[in-house]
Amino acid sequence: MHINTDNSDVEMVTEDDFLEDEDGQPADYAPDRVHVQFFLQYVKLCEIMGLVLSQQDSVASKGTCRNAMELAHSDMALADWLQNCPMYSEHRSPAAMLDSIKSS
């Protein structure tokens, strides 16, 4: 799964998008914070994968080797995502993240 931001004019999803309050009335159920964070991080990761895949397609169509700068940009984007992923800093592994979601 990937997201190509060049094909979209929709703003990035935020935590507020999960609030279902209507006319000042609170929702019956509050969104699960872990599920919301998991989805937000998944969307960010899909966006990065879209960047990686578009760079790969661009290089493949030109028939040239992958530019080191493009590779470094993708690597930095993934490292930044991982560094700023609150679920990773809490659990330190994808398996631990999934375990916390299953148990909630």
Protein backbone atom coordinates (compact mmCIF):
# COMPACT_ATOMS: atom_id res chain seq x y z
CA MET A 1 0.00 0.00 0.00
CA HIS A 2 1.28 3.46 -0.80
CA ILE A 3 0.01 7.02 -1.07
CA ASN A 4 1.06 9.27 -3.92
CA THR A 5 0.63 12.81 -2.62
CA ASP A 6 0.93 14.17 -6.17
CA ASN A 7 -2.49 12.62 -6.92
CA SER A 8 -4.27 14.08 -3.91
CA ASP A 9 -5.29 17.45 -2.57
CA VAL A 10 -6.66 16.10 0.72
CA GLU A 11 -4.98 17.25 3.91
CA MET A 12 -3.17 14.71 6.07
CA VAL A 13 -5.47 12.92 8.51
CA THR A 14 -5.19 14.06 12.14
CA GLU A 15 -6.42 12.83 15.52
CA ASP A 16 -9.28 15.34 15.35
CA ASP A 17 -10.67 13.48 12.34
CA PHE A 18 -11.56 10.59 14.67
CA LEU A 19 -13.73 12.69 16.98
CA GLU A 20 -17.40 12.08 16.31
CA ASP A 21 -18.90 14.92 18.35
CA GLU A 22 -22.07 16.37 16.85
CA ASP A 23 -23.62 19.74 17.66
CA GLY A 24 -21.62 20.06 20.86
CA GLN A 25 -22.73 16.64 22.07
CA PRO A 26 -19.91 14.28 22.99
CA ALA A 27 -19.68 11.01 21.11
CA ASP A 28 -20.95 7.85 22.78
CA TYR A 29 -17.49 6.31 22.54
CA ALA A 30 -14.14 8.04 22.57
CA PRO A 31 -11.69 6.88 19.90
CA ASP A 32 -9.09 4.40 21.13
CA ARG A 33 -5.82 6.35 21.31
CA VAL A 34 -3.68 3.35 20.35
CA HIS A 35 -5.79 2.56 17.30
CA VAL A 36 -5.79 6.20 16.19
CA GLN A 37 -2.01 6.48 16.57
CA PHE A 38 -1.48 3.20 14.74
CA PHE A 39 -3.61 4.40 11.82
CA LEU A 40 -1.91 7.83 11.69
CA GLN A 41 1.54 6.22 11.65
CA TYR A 42 0.40 3.73 9.02
CA VAL A 43 -0.77 6.59 6.78
CA LYS A 44 2.56 8.40 7.23
CA LEU A 45 4.45 5.20 6.38
CA CYS A 46 2.29 4.68 3.27
CA GLU A 47 3.09 8.23 2.19
CA ILE A 48 6.81 7.53 2.52
CA MET A 49 6.40 4.28 0.57
CA GLY A 50 4.66 6.29 -2.16
CA LEU A 51 7.72 8.53 -2.34
CA VAL A 52 10.05 5.54 -2.51
CA LEU A 53 7.99 3.84 -5.22
CA SER A 54 7.68 6.99 -7.32
CA GLN A 55 11.45 7.45 -7.16
CA GLN A 56 11.93 3.83 -8.13
CA ASP A 57 9.53 4.19 -11.09
CA SER A 58 11.27 7.38 -12.18
CA VAL A 59 14.68 5.72 -12.13
CA ALA A 60 13.37 2.60 -13.89
CA SER A 61 11.81 4.63 -16.71
CA LYS A 62 15.06 6.50 -17.28
CA GLY A 63 17.03 3.25 -17.32
CA THR A 64 19.68 4.63 -14.98
CA CYS A 65 21.01 3.49 -11.64
CA ARG A 66 19.27 4.83 -8.59
CA ASN A 67 20.59 8.21 -7.63
CA ALA A 68 22.38 8.18 -4.26
CA MET A 69 20.63 11.41 -3.29
CA GLU A 70 17.17 9.87 -3.85
CA LEU A 71 18.19 6.85 -1.79
CA ALA A 72 19.47 9.09 1.01
CA HIS A 73 16.22 11.10 0.94
CA SER A 74 14.11 7.94 1.27
CA ASP A 75 16.36 6.62 4.02
CA MET A 76 16.11 9.90 5.94
CA ALA A 77 12.32 9.96 5.58
CA LEU A 78 12.03 6.42 6.97
CA ALA A 79 14.49 7.15 9.80
CA ASP A 80 12.58 10.33 10.68
CA TRP A 81 9.29 8.43 10.70
CA LEU A 82 10.72 5.76 12.99
CA GLN A 83 12.36 8.30 15.29
CA ASN A 84 9.10 10.25 15.68
CA CYS A 85 6.77 7.26 15.86
CA PRO A 86 5.31 7.40 19.38
CA MET A 87 4.36 3.74 19.30
CA TYR A 88 7.90 2.68 18.45
CA SER A 89 9.40 4.77 21.24
CA GLU A 90 6.94 3.18 23.68
CA HIS A 91 7.38 -0.43 22.59
CA ARG A 92 10.66 -0.54 20.63
CA SER A 93 9.49 -3.16 18.16
CA PRO A 94 6.70 -3.63 15.63
CA ALA A 95 5.73 -6.92 17.32
CA ALA A 96 5.29 -5.13 20.66
CA MET A 97 3.14 -2.48 18.93
CA LEU A 98 0.87 -5.14 17.50
CA ASP A 99 0.68 -6.94 20.85
CA SER A 100 -0.43 -3.71 22.55
CA ILE A 101 -3.14 -3.22 19.92
CA LYS A 102 -4.40 -6.79 20.28
CA SER A 103 -4.59 -6.47 24.06
CA SER A 104 -6.51 -3.17 24.02
